[in-house]
Amino acid sequence: MPKKVVIGVVTKDKMDKCRRVEIGRLVRHPKYGKYLRRKTVCHVHDEENASHVGDTVEIVECRPKSKLKRWDLVRVVSKSQAVDIAAMRAASRAKQSEGES
């Protein structure tokens, strides 16, 4: 039987070699018929720490590696486009202090 391959978004990257990935899906309400957003949370083994928060990644099923990890990272599909505001402010302050000197 082939292993499942899914695409999700990294939501946490605080752990070493481990990522929390959310896979979004739509579920139809049985009585009212409205579509509801639901998510599946997977803990993924990332050997090289290649992914970060906001990245879209492709993961594949594997044997259990720990209490929660049952998925392996295949590849980073796309990097996050989020901007780090604190880093931008620090860079602008550094630029201003160089101009004043």
PDB file of N, CA and C in Angstrom:
ATOM      1  N   MET A   1       0.840  -1.181   0.000  1.00  0.00           N
ATOM      2  CA  MET A   1       0.000   0.000   0.000  1.00  0.00           C
ATOM      3  C   MET A   1       0.886   1.245   0.000  1.00  0.00           C
ATOM      4  N   PRO A   2       0.624   2.211  -0.894  1.00  0.00           N
ATOM      5  CA  PRO A   2       1.472   3.402  -0.964  1.00  0.00           C
ATOM      6  C   PRO A   2       1.294   4.305   0.252  1.00  0.00           C
ATOM      7  N   LYS A   3       2.356   5.049   0.551  1.00  0.00           N
ATOM      8  CA  LYS A   3       2.315   5.973   1.678  1.00  0.00           C
ATOM      9  C   LYS A   3       1.576   7.249   1.278  1.00  0.00           C
ATOM     10  N   LYS A   4       0.886   7.860   2.235  1.00  0.00           N
ATOM     11  CA  LYS A   4       0.164   9.100   1.972  1.00  0.00           C
ATOM     12  C   LYS A   4       1.157  10.245   1.811  1.00  0.00           C
ATOM     13  N   VAL A   5       0.905  11.103   0.850  1.00  0.00           N
ATOM     14  CA  VAL A   5       1.695  12.305   0.637  1.00  0.00           C
ATOM     15  C   VAL A   5       0.719  13.480   0.660  1.00  0.00           C
ATOM     16  N   VAL A   6       0.941  14.452   1.554  1.00  0.00           N
ATOM     17  CA  VAL A   6       0.046  15.600   1.677  1.00  0.00           C
ATOM     18  C   VAL A   6       0.858  16.893   1.734  1.00  0.00           C
ATOM     19  N   ILE A   7       0.157  18.013   1.509  1.00  0.00           N
ATOM     20  CA  ILE A   7       0.776  19.333   1.550  1.00  0.00           C
ATOM     21  C   ILE A   7       0.109  20.137   2.647  1.00  0.00           C
ATOM     22  N   GLY A   8       0.926  20.797   3.482  1.00  0.00           N
ATOM     23  CA  GLY A   8       0.403  21.597   4.587  1.00  0.00           C
ATOM     24  C   GLY A   8       1.289  22.791   4.868  1.00  0.00           C
ATOM     25  N   VAL A   9       0.928  23.542   5.905  1.00  0.00           N
ATOM     26  CA  VAL A   9       1.643  24.766   6.269  1.00  0.00           C
ATOM     27  C   VAL A   9       2.267  24.591   7.653  1.00  0.00           C
ATOM     28  N   VAL A  10       3.538  24.971   7.785  1.00  0.00           N
ATOM     29  CA  VAL A  10       4.241  24.872   9.068  1.00  0.00           C
ATOM     30  C   VAL A  10       3.709  25.957  10.001  1.00  0.00           C
ATOM     31  N   THR A  11       3.292  25.554  11.223  1.00  0.00           N
ATOM     32  CA  THR A  11       2.767  26.517  12.188  1.00  0.00           C
ATOM     33  C   THR A  11       3.708  26.720  13.377  1.00  0.00           C
ATOM     34  N   LYS A  12       4.570  25.754  13.671  1.00  0.00           N
ATOM     35  CA  LYS A  12       5.539  25.908  14.757  1.00  0.00           C
ATOM     36  C   LYS A  12       6.858  25.270  14.357  1.00  0.00           C
ATOM     37  N   ASP A  13       7.959  25.968  14.682  1.00  0.00           N
ATOM     38  CA  ASP A  13       9.286  25.426  14.368  1.00  0.00           C
ATOM     39  C   ASP A  13      10.256  25.607  15.538  1.00  0.00           C
ATOM     40  N   LYS A  14       9.751  25.637  16.765  1.00  0.00           N
ATOM     41  CA  LYS A  14      10.591  25.857  17.938  1.00  0.00           C
ATOM     42  C   LYS A  14      11.456  24.641  18.270  1.00  0.00           C
ATOM     43  N   MET A  15      10.984  23.442  17.945  1.00  0.00           N
ATOM     44  CA  MET A  15      11.710  22.221  18.297  1.00  0.00           C
ATOM     45  C   MET A  15      12.821  21.936  17.295  1.00  0.00           C
ATOM     46  N   ASP A  16      13.844  21.238  17.727  1.00  0.00           N
ATOM     47  CA  ASP A  16      14.933  20.856  16.839  1.00  0.00           C
ATOM     48  C   ASP A  16      14.526  19.622  16.041  1.00  0.00           C
ATOM     49  N   LYS A  17      14.632  19.703  14.721  1.00  0.00           N
ATOM     50  CA  LYS A  17      14.318  18.610  13.791  1.00  0.00           C
ATOM     51  C   LYS A  17      12.864  18.171  13.842  1.00  0.00           C
ATOM     52  N   CYS A  18      11.977  19.015  14.311  1.00  0.00           N
ATOM     53  CA  CYS A  18      10.556  18.675  14.369  1.00  0.00           C
ATOM     54  C   CYS A  18       9.735  19.908  14.023  1.00  0.00           C
ATOM     55  N   ARG A  19       8.694  19.733  13.242  1.00  0.00           N
ATOM     56  CA  ARG A  19       7.815  20.824  12.856  1.00  0.00           C
ATOM     57  C   ARG A  19       6.365  20.413  13.088  1.00  0.00           C
ATOM     58  N   ARG A  20       5.522  21.415  13.368  1.00  0.00           N
ATOM     59  CA  ARG A  20       4.079  21.178  13.493  1.00  0.00           C
ATOM     60  C   ARG A  20       3.453  21.704  12.217  1.00  0.00           C
ATOM     61  N   VAL A  21       2.786  20.818  11.482  1.00  0.00           N
ATOM     62  CA  VAL A  21       2.208  21.164  10.185  1.00  0.00           C
ATOM     63  C   VAL A  21       0.697  21.004  10.262  1.00  0.00           C
ATOM     64  N   GLU A  22      -0.023  22.005   9.745  1.00  0.00           N
ATOM     65  CA  GLU A  22      -1.472  21.942   9.700  1.00  0.00           C
ATOM     66  C   GLU A  22      -1.921  21.721   8.259  1.00  0.00           C
ATOM     67  N   ILE A  23      -2.871  20.784   8.106  1.00  0.00           N
ATOM     68  CA  ILE A  23      -3.437  20.473   6.798  1.00  0.00           C
ATOM     69  C   ILE A  23      -4.897  20.887   6.842  1.00  0.00           C
ATOM     70  N   GLY A  24      -5.247  21.885   6.063  1.00  0.00           N
ATOM     71  CA  GLY A  24      -6.610  22.404   6.051  1.00  0.00           C
ATOM     72  C   GLY A  24      -7.531  21.583   5.157  1.00  0.00           C
ATOM     73  N   ARG A  25      -8.807  21.530   5.547  1.00  0.00           N
ATOM     74  CA  ARG A  25      -9.798  20.817   4.741  1.00  0.00           C
ATOM     75  C   ARG A  25     -11.167  21.426   4.999  1.00  0.00           C
ATOM     76  N   LEU A  26     -12.101  21.195   4.091  1.00  0.00           N
ATOM     77  CA  LEU A  26     -13.477  21.646   4.243  1.00  0.00           C
ATOM     78  C   LEU A  26     -14.363  20.444   4.530  1.00  0.00           C
ATOM     79  N   VAL A  27     -15.265  20.582   5.531  1.00  0.00           N
ATOM     80  CA  VAL A  27     -16.172  19.514   5.907  1.00  0.00           C
ATOM     81  C   VAL A  27     -17.589  20.061   5.833  1.00  0.00           C
ATOM     82  N   ARG A  28     -18.476  19.321   5.239  1.00  0.00           N
ATOM     83  CA  ARG A  28     -19.861  19.752   5.141  1.00  0.00           C
ATOM     84  C   ARG A  28     -20.615  19.378   6.413  1.00  0.00           C
ATOM     85  N   HIS A  29     -21.342  20.341   6.983  1.00  0.00           N
ATOM     86  CA  HIS A  29     -22.132  20.087   8.181  1.00  0.00           C
ATOM     87  C   HIS A  29     -23.266  19.133   7.825  1.00  0.00           C
ATOM     88  N   PRO A  30     -23.459  18.067   8.630  1.00  0.00           N
ATOM     89  CA  PRO A  30     -24.447  17.049   8.261  1.00  0.00           C
ATOM     90  C   PRO A  30     -25.893  17.553   8.201  1.00  0.00           C
ATOM     91  N   LYS A  31     -26.245  18.496   9.056  1.00  0.00           N
ATOM     92  CA  LYS A  31     -27.633  18.960   9.084  1.00  0.00           C
ATOM     93  C   LYS A  31     -27.864  20.196   8.217  1.00  0.00           C
ATOM     94  N   TYR A  32     -26.983  21.198   8.335  1.00  0.00           N
ATOM     95  CA  TYR A  32     -27.214  22.487   7.684  1.00  0.00           C
ATOM     96  C   TYR A  32     -26.555  22.624   6.321  1.00  0.00           C
ATOM     97  N   GLY A  33     -25.610  21.769   6.010  1.00  0.00           N
ATOM     98  CA  GLY A  33     -25.007  21.798   4.688  1.00  0.00           C
ATOM     99  C   GLY A  33     -23.929  22.842   4.499  1.00  0.00           C
ATOM    100  N   LYS A  34     -23.686  23.666   5.507  1.00  0.00           N
ATOM    101  CA  LYS A  34     -22.646  24.685   5.403  1.00  0.00           C
ATOM    102  C   LYS A  34     -21.277  24.019   5.472  1.00  0.00           C
ATOM    103  N   TYR A  35     -20.324  24.540   4.694  1.00  0.00           N
ATOM    104  CA  TYR A  35     -18.964  24.005   4.718  1.00  0.00           C
ATOM    105  C   TYR A  35     -18.164  24.676   5.829  1.00  0.00           C
ATOM    106  N   LEU A  36     -17.523  23.876   6.657  1.00  0.00           N
ATOM    107  CA  LEU A  36     -16.738  24.356   7.785  1.00  0.00           C
ATOM    108  C   LEU A  36     -15.261  24.061   7.554  1.00  0.00           C
ATOM    109  N   ARG A  37     -14.417  24.978   7.998  1.00  0.00           N
ATOM    110  CA  ARG A  37     -12.971  24.770   7.898  1.00  0.00           C
ATOM    111  C   ARG A  37     -12.503  23.942   9.081  1.00  0.00           C
ATOM    112  N   ARG A  38     -11.796  22.881   8.807  1.00  0.00           N
ATOM    113  CA  ARG A  38     -11.203  22.030   9.836  1.00  0.00           C
ATOM    114  C   ARG A  38      -9.731  21.862   9.497  1.00  0.00           C
ATOM    115  N   LYS A  39      -8.952  21.447  10.501  1.00  0.00           N
ATOM    116  CA  LYS A  39      -7.526  21.249  10.254  1.00  0.00           C
ATOM    117  C   LYS A  39      -7.060  19.963  10.913  1.00  0.00           C
ATOM    118  N   THR A  40      -6.071  19.344  10.299  1.00  0.00           N
ATOM    119  CA  THR A  40      -5.416  18.175  10.847  1.00  0.00           C
ATOM    120  C   THR A  40      -3.995  18.591  11.214  1.00  0.00           C
ATOM    121  N   VAL A  41      -3.561  18.254  12.424  1.00  0.00           N
ATOM    122  CA  VAL A  41      -2.225  18.621  12.889  1.00  0.00           C
ATOM    123  C   VAL A  41      -1.322  17.400  12.800  1.00  0.00           C
ATOM    124  N   CYS A  42      -0.162  17.569  12.157  1.00  0.00           N
ATOM    125  CA  CYS A  42       0.829  16.496  12.031  1.00  0.00           C
ATOM    126  C   CYS A  42       2.159  17.012  12.561  1.00  0.00           C
ATOM    127  N   HIS A  43       2.863  16.163  13.284  1.00  0.00           N
ATOM    128  CA  HIS A  43       4.219  16.480  13.715  1.00  0.00           C
ATOM    129  C   HIS A  43       5.171  15.796  12.750  1.00  0.00           C
ATOM    130  N   VAL A  44       6.079  16.590  12.174  1.00  0.00           N
ATOM    131  CA  VAL A  44       6.901  16.152  11.050  1.00  0.00           C
ATOM    132  C   VAL A  44       8.374  16.164  11.437  1.00  0.00           C
ATOM    133  N   HIS A  45       9.110  15.133  11.011  1.00  0.00           N
ATOM    134  CA  HIS A  45      10.557  15.076  11.221  1.00  0.00           C
ATOM    135  C   HIS A  45      11.243  15.835  10.090  1.00  0.00           C
ATOM    136  N   ASP A  46      12.010  16.868  10.464  1.00  0.00           N
ATOM    137  CA  ASP A  46      12.741  17.710   9.508  1.00  0.00           C
ATOM    138  C   ASP A  46      14.227  17.635   9.867  1.00  0.00           C
ATOM    139  N   GLU A  47      14.939  16.715   9.247  1.00  0.00           N
ATOM    140  CA  GLU A  47      16.327  16.412   9.611  1.00  0.00           C
ATOM    141  C   GLU A  47      17.257  17.620   9.501  1.00  0.00           C
ATOM    142  N   GLU A  48      17.127  18.434   8.444  1.00  0.00           N
ATOM    143  CA  GLU A  48      18.038  19.559   8.216  1.00  0.00           C
ATOM    144  C   GLU A  48      17.499  20.881   8.751  1.00  0.00           C
ATOM    145  N   ASN A  49      16.368  20.887   9.426  1.00  0.00           N
ATOM    146  CA  ASN A  49      15.715  22.120   9.885  1.00  0.00           C
ATOM    147  C   ASN A  49      15.533  23.094   8.715  1.00  0.00           C
ATOM    148  N   ALA A  50      15.043  22.572   7.598  1.00  0.00           N
ATOM    149  CA  ALA A  50      14.927  23.350   6.369  1.00  0.00           C
ATOM    150  C   ALA A  50      13.695  24.238   6.329  1.00  0.00           C
ATOM    151  N   SER A  51      12.651  23.888   7.056  1.00  0.00           N
ATOM    152  CA  SER A  51      11.403  24.653   6.990  1.00  0.00           C
ATOM    153  C   SER A  51      11.259  25.566   8.196  1.00  0.00           C
ATOM    154  N   HIS A  52      10.455  26.625   8.012  1.00  0.00           N
ATOM    155  CA  HIS A  52      10.195  27.591   9.066  1.00  0.00           C
ATOM    156  C   HIS A  52       8.714  27.945   9.058  1.00  0.00           C
ATOM    157  N   VAL A  53       8.276  28.724  10.037  1.00  0.00           N
ATOM    158  CA  VAL A  53       6.864  29.066  10.170  1.00  0.00           C
ATOM    159  C   VAL A  53       6.350  29.749   8.902  1.00  0.00           C
ATOM    160  N   GLY A  54       5.201  29.302   8.422  1.00  0.00           N
ATOM    161  CA  GLY A  54       4.577  29.891   7.239  1.00  0.00           C
ATOM    162  C   GLY A  54       4.928  29.201   5.937  1.00  0.00           C
ATOM    163  N   ASP A  55       5.924  28.334   5.937  1.00  0.00           N
ATOM    164  CA  ASP A  55       6.311  27.628   4.707  1.00  0.00           C
ATOM    165  C   ASP A  55       5.279  26.560   4.359  1.00  0.00           C
ATOM    166  N   THR A  56       5.067  26.370   3.071  1.00  0.00           N
ATOM    167  CA  THR A  56       4.226  25.281   2.593  1.00  0.00           C
ATOM    168  C   THR A  56       5.136  24.099   2.306  1.00  0.00           C
ATOM    169  N   VAL A  57       4.820  22.937   2.892  1.00  0.00           N
ATOM    170  CA  VAL A  57       5.701  21.779   2.788  1.00  0.00           C
ATOM    171  C   VAL A  57       4.929  20.551   2.325  1.00  0.00           C
ATOM    172  N   GLU A  58       5.668  19.624   1.731  1.00  0.00           N
ATOM    173  CA  GLU A  58       5.120  18.329   1.330  1.00  0.00           C
ATOM    174  C   GLU A  58       5.658  17.287   2.300  1.00  0.00           C
ATOM    175  N   ILE A  59       4.747  16.477   2.874  1.00  0.00           N
ATOM    176  CA  ILE A  59       5.149  15.483   3.865  1.00  0.00           C
ATOM    177  C   ILE A  59       4.644  14.105   3.461  1.00  0.00           C
ATOM    178  N   VAL A  60       5.303  13.073   3.981  1.00  0.00           N
ATOM    179  CA  VAL A  60       4.949  11.692   3.641  1.00  0.00           C
ATOM    180  C   VAL A  60       4.888  10.876   4.934  1.00  0.00           C
ATOM    181  N   GLU A  61       3.993   9.890   4.956  1.00  0.00           N
ATOM    182  CA  GLU A  61       3.865   9.002   6.106  1.00  0.00           C
ATOM    183  C   GLU A  61       5.145   8.213   6.321  1.00  0.00           C
ATOM    184  N   CYS A  62       5.434   7.883   7.595  1.00  0.00           N
ATOM    185  CA  CYS A  62       6.571   7.030   7.909  1.00  0.00           C
ATOM    186  C   CYS A  62       6.265   6.265   9.187  1.00  0.00           C
ATOM    187  N   ARG A  63       7.175   5.401   9.578  1.00  0.00           N
ATOM    188  CA  ARG A  63       6.997   4.672  10.831  1.00  0.00           C
ATOM    189  C   ARG A  63       7.091   5.665  11.987  1.00  0.00           C
ATOM    190  N   PRO A  64       6.536   5.341  13.144  1.00  0.00           N
ATOM    191  CA  PRO A  64       6.620   6.264  14.279  1.00  0.00           C
ATOM    192  C   PRO A  64       8.068   6.522  14.709  1.00  0.00           C
ATOM    193  N   LYS A  65       8.440   7.801  14.786  1.00  0.00           N
ATOM    194  CA  LYS A  65       9.798   8.178  15.191  1.00  0.00           C
ATOM    195  C   LYS A  65       9.839   8.600  16.655  1.00  0.00           C
ATOM    196  N   SER A  66       8.712   9.019  17.202  1.00  0.00           N
ATOM    197  CA  SER A  66       8.618   9.385  18.611  1.00  0.00           C
ATOM    198  C   SER A  66       7.145   9.294  19.010  1.00  0.00           C
ATOM    199  N   LYS A  67       6.819   9.868  20.154  1.00  0.00           N
ATOM    200  CA  LYS A  67       5.442   9.781  20.657  1.00  0.00           C
ATOM    201  C   LYS A  67       4.441  10.383  19.659  1.00  0.00           C
ATOM    202  N   LEU A  68       4.800  11.503  19.026  1.00  0.00           N
ATOM    203  CA  LEU A  68       3.870  12.188  18.126  1.00  0.00           C
ATOM    204  C   LEU A  68       4.280  12.165  16.652  1.00  0.00           C
ATOM    205  N   LYS A  69       5.579  12.042  16.360  1.00  0.00           N
ATOM    206  CA  LYS A  69       6.045  12.155  14.966  1.00  0.00           C
ATOM    207  C   LYS A  69       5.787  10.889  14.174  1.00  0.00           C
ATOM    208  N   ARG A  70       4.988  11.035  13.105  1.00  0.00           N
ATOM    209  CA  ARG A  70       4.693   9.936  12.195  1.00  0.00           C
ATOM    210  C   ARG A  70       4.804  10.356  10.734  1.00  0.00           C
ATOM    211  N   TRP A  71       5.438  11.513  10.476  1.00  0.00           N
ATOM    212  CA  TRP A  71       5.566  12.047   9.126  1.00  0.00           C
ATOM    213  C   TRP A  71       6.996  12.503   8.888  1.00  0.00           C
ATOM    214  N   ASP A  72       7.440  12.436   7.631  1.00  0.00           N
ATOM    215  CA  ASP A  72       8.753  12.921   7.209  1.00  0.00           C
ATOM    216  C   ASP A  72       8.568  14.073   6.232  1.00  0.00           C
ATOM    217  N   LEU A  73       9.479  15.036   6.294  1.00  0.00           N
ATOM    218  CA  LEU A  73       9.468  16.146   5.342  1.00  0.00           C
ATOM    219  C   LEU A  73      10.058  15.680   4.022  1.00  0.00           C
ATOM    220  N   VAL A  74       9.339  15.905   2.919  1.00  0.00           N
ATOM    221  CA  VAL A  74       9.842  15.560   1.590  1.00  0.00           C
ATOM    222  C   VAL A  74      10.561  16.767   0.995  1.00  0.00           C
ATOM    223  N   ARG A  75       9.865  17.923   0.967  1.00  0.00           N
ATOM    224  CA  ARG A  75      10.453  19.131   0.395  1.00  0.00           C
ATOM    225  C   ARG A  75       9.661  20.349   0.844  1.00  0.00           C
ATOM    226  N   VAL A  76      10.296  21.503   0.741  1.00  0.00           N
ATOM    227  CA  VAL A  76       9.619  22.772   1.003  1.00  0.00           C
ATOM    228  C   VAL A  76       9.069  23.247  -0.332  1.00  0.00           C
ATOM    229  N   VAL A  77       7.745  23.301  -0.445  1.00  0.00           N
ATOM    230  CA  VAL A  77       7.108  23.684  -1.706  1.00  0.00           C
ATOM    231  C   VAL A  77       7.306  25.172  -1.959  1.00  0.00           C
ATOM    232  N   SER A  78       7.015  26.014  -0.953  1.00  0.00           N
ATOM    233  CA  SER A  78       7.226  27.457  -1.100  1.00  0.00           C
ATOM    234  C   SER A  78       7.573  28.062   0.249  1.00  0.00           C
ATOM    235  N   LYS A  79       8.451  29.046   0.221  1.00  0.00           N
ATOM    236  CA  LYS A  79       8.866  29.732   1.435  1.00  0.00           C
ATOM    237  C   LYS A  79       7.813  30.767   1.824  1.00  0.00           C
ATOM    238  N   SER A  80       7.806  31.129   3.096  1.00  0.00           N
ATOM    239  CA  SER A  80       6.861  32.109   3.615  1.00  0.00           C
ATOM    240  C   SER A  80       7.198  33.497   3.085  1.00  0.00           C
ATOM    241  N   GLN A  81       6.162  34.296   2.813  1.00  0.00           N
ATOM    242  CA  GLN A  81       6.352  35.667   2.344  1.00  0.00           C
ATOM    243  C   GLN A  81       6.206  36.675   3.479  1.00  0.00           C
ATOM    244  N   ALA A  82       6.103  36.194   4.730  1.00  0.00           N
ATOM    245  CA  ALA A  82       5.937  37.075   5.890  1.00  0.00           C
ATOM    246  C   ALA A  82       7.189  37.909   6.100  1.00  0.00           C
ATOM    247  N   VAL A  83       6.994  39.134   6.574  1.00  0.00           N
ATOM    248  CA  VAL A  83       8.089  40.059   6.793  1.00  0.00           C
ATOM    249  C   VAL A  83       8.342  40.176   8.296  1.00  0.00           C
ATOM    250  N   ASP A  84       9.615  40.137   8.693  1.00  0.00           N
ATOM    251  CA  ASP A  84       9.980  40.283  10.095  1.00  0.00           C
ATOM    252  C   ASP A  84      10.120  41.776  10.399  1.00  0.00           C
ATOM    253  N   ILE A  85       9.111  42.329  11.067  1.00  0.00           N
ATOM    254  CA  ILE A  85       9.068  43.760  11.352  1.00  0.00           C
ATOM    255  C   ILE A  85      10.212  44.177  12.275  1.00  0.00           C
ATOM    256  N   ALA A  86      10.506  43.367  13.289  1.00  0.00           N
ATOM    257  CA  ALA A  86      11.573  43.711  14.235  1.00  0.00           C
ATOM    258  C   ALA A  86      12.917  43.816  13.523  1.00  0.00           C
ATOM    259  N   ALA A  87      13.188  42.916  12.608  1.00  0.00           N
ATOM    260  CA  ALA A  87      14.453  42.950  11.862  1.00  0.00           C
ATOM    261  C   ALA A  87      14.518  44.192  10.970  1.00  0.00           C
ATOM    262  N   MET A  88      13.390  44.553  10.357  1.00  0.00           N
ATOM    263  CA  MET A  88      13.370  45.752   9.508  1.00  0.00           C
ATOM    264  C   MET A  88      13.643  47.012  10.323  1.00  0.00           C
ATOM    265  N   ARG A  89      13.034  47.102  11.526  1.00  0.00           N
ATOM    266  CA  ARG A  89      13.250  48.272  12.376  1.00  0.00           C
ATOM    267  C   ARG A  89      14.699  48.351  12.840  1.00  0.00           C
ATOM    268  N   ALA A  90      15.289  47.218  13.203  1.00  0.00           N
ATOM    269  CA  ALA A  90      16.688  47.200  13.633  1.00  0.00           C
ATOM    270  C   ALA A  90      17.610  47.634  12.501  1.00  0.00           C
ATOM    271  N   ALA A  91      17.312  47.195  11.300  1.00  0.00           N
ATOM    272  CA  ALA A  91      18.137  47.579  10.149  1.00  0.00           C
ATOM    273  C   ALA A  91      18.016  49.073   9.863  1.00  0.00           C
ATOM    274  N   SER A  92      16.801  49.613   9.979  1.00  0.00           N
ATOM    275  CA  SER A  92      16.625  51.048   9.722  1.00  0.00           C
ATOM    276  C   SER A  92      17.319  51.887  10.798  1.00  0.00           C
ATOM    277  N   ARG A  93      17.299  51.421  12.052  1.00  0.00           N
ATOM    278  CA  ARG A  93      18.001  52.136  13.123  1.00  0.00           C
ATOM    279  C   ARG A  93      19.505  52.126  12.880  1.00  0.00           C
ATOM    280  N   ALA A  94      20.014  50.978  12.462  1.00  0.00           N
ATOM    281  CA  ALA A  94      21.449  50.865  12.174  1.00  0.00           C
ATOM    282  C   ALA A  94      21.843  51.796  11.022  1.00  0.00           C
ATOM    283  N   LYS A  95      20.993  51.890  10.035  1.00  0.00           N
ATOM    284  CA  LYS A  95      21.252  52.765   8.881  1.00  0.00           C
ATOM    285  C   LYS A  95      21.252  54.233   9.295  1.00  0.00           C
ATOM    286  N   GLN A  96      20.291  54.598  10.178  1.00  0.00           N
ATOM    287  CA  GLN A  96      20.220  55.973  10.644  1.00  0.00           C
ATOM    288  C   GLN A  96      21.435  56.341  11.495  1.00  0.00           C
ATOM    289  N   SER A  97      21.871  55.403  12.341  1.00  0.00           N
ATOM    290  CA  SER A  97      23.028  55.700  13.191  1.00  0.00           C
ATOM    291  C   SER A  97      24.299  55.832  12.366  1.00  0.00           C
ATOM    292  N   GLU A  98      24.414  55.108  11.263  1.00  0.00           N
ATOM    293  CA  GLU A  98      25.565  55.275  10.383  1.00  0.00           C
ATOM    294  C   GLU A  98      25.532  56.624   9.688  1.00  0.00           C
ATOM    295  N   GLY A  99      24.352  57.087   9.323  1.00  0.00           N
ATOM    296  CA  GLY A  99      24.209  58.385   8.655  1.00  0.00           C
ATOM    297  C   GLY A  99      24.537  59.540   9.582  1.00  0.00           C
ATOM    298  N   GLU A 100      24.240  59.406  10.879  1.00  0.00           N
ATOM    299  CA  GLU A 100      24.516  60.465  11.854  1.00  0.00           C
ATOM    300  C   GLU A 100      26.007  60.541  12.179  1.00  0.00           C
ATOM    301  N   SER A 101      26.725  59.438  12.092  1.00  0.00           N
ATOM    302  CA  SER A 101      28.141  59.433  12.468  1.00  0.00           C
ATOM    303  C   SER A 101      29.027  60.118  11.470  1.00  0.00           C
TER     304      SER A 101
END
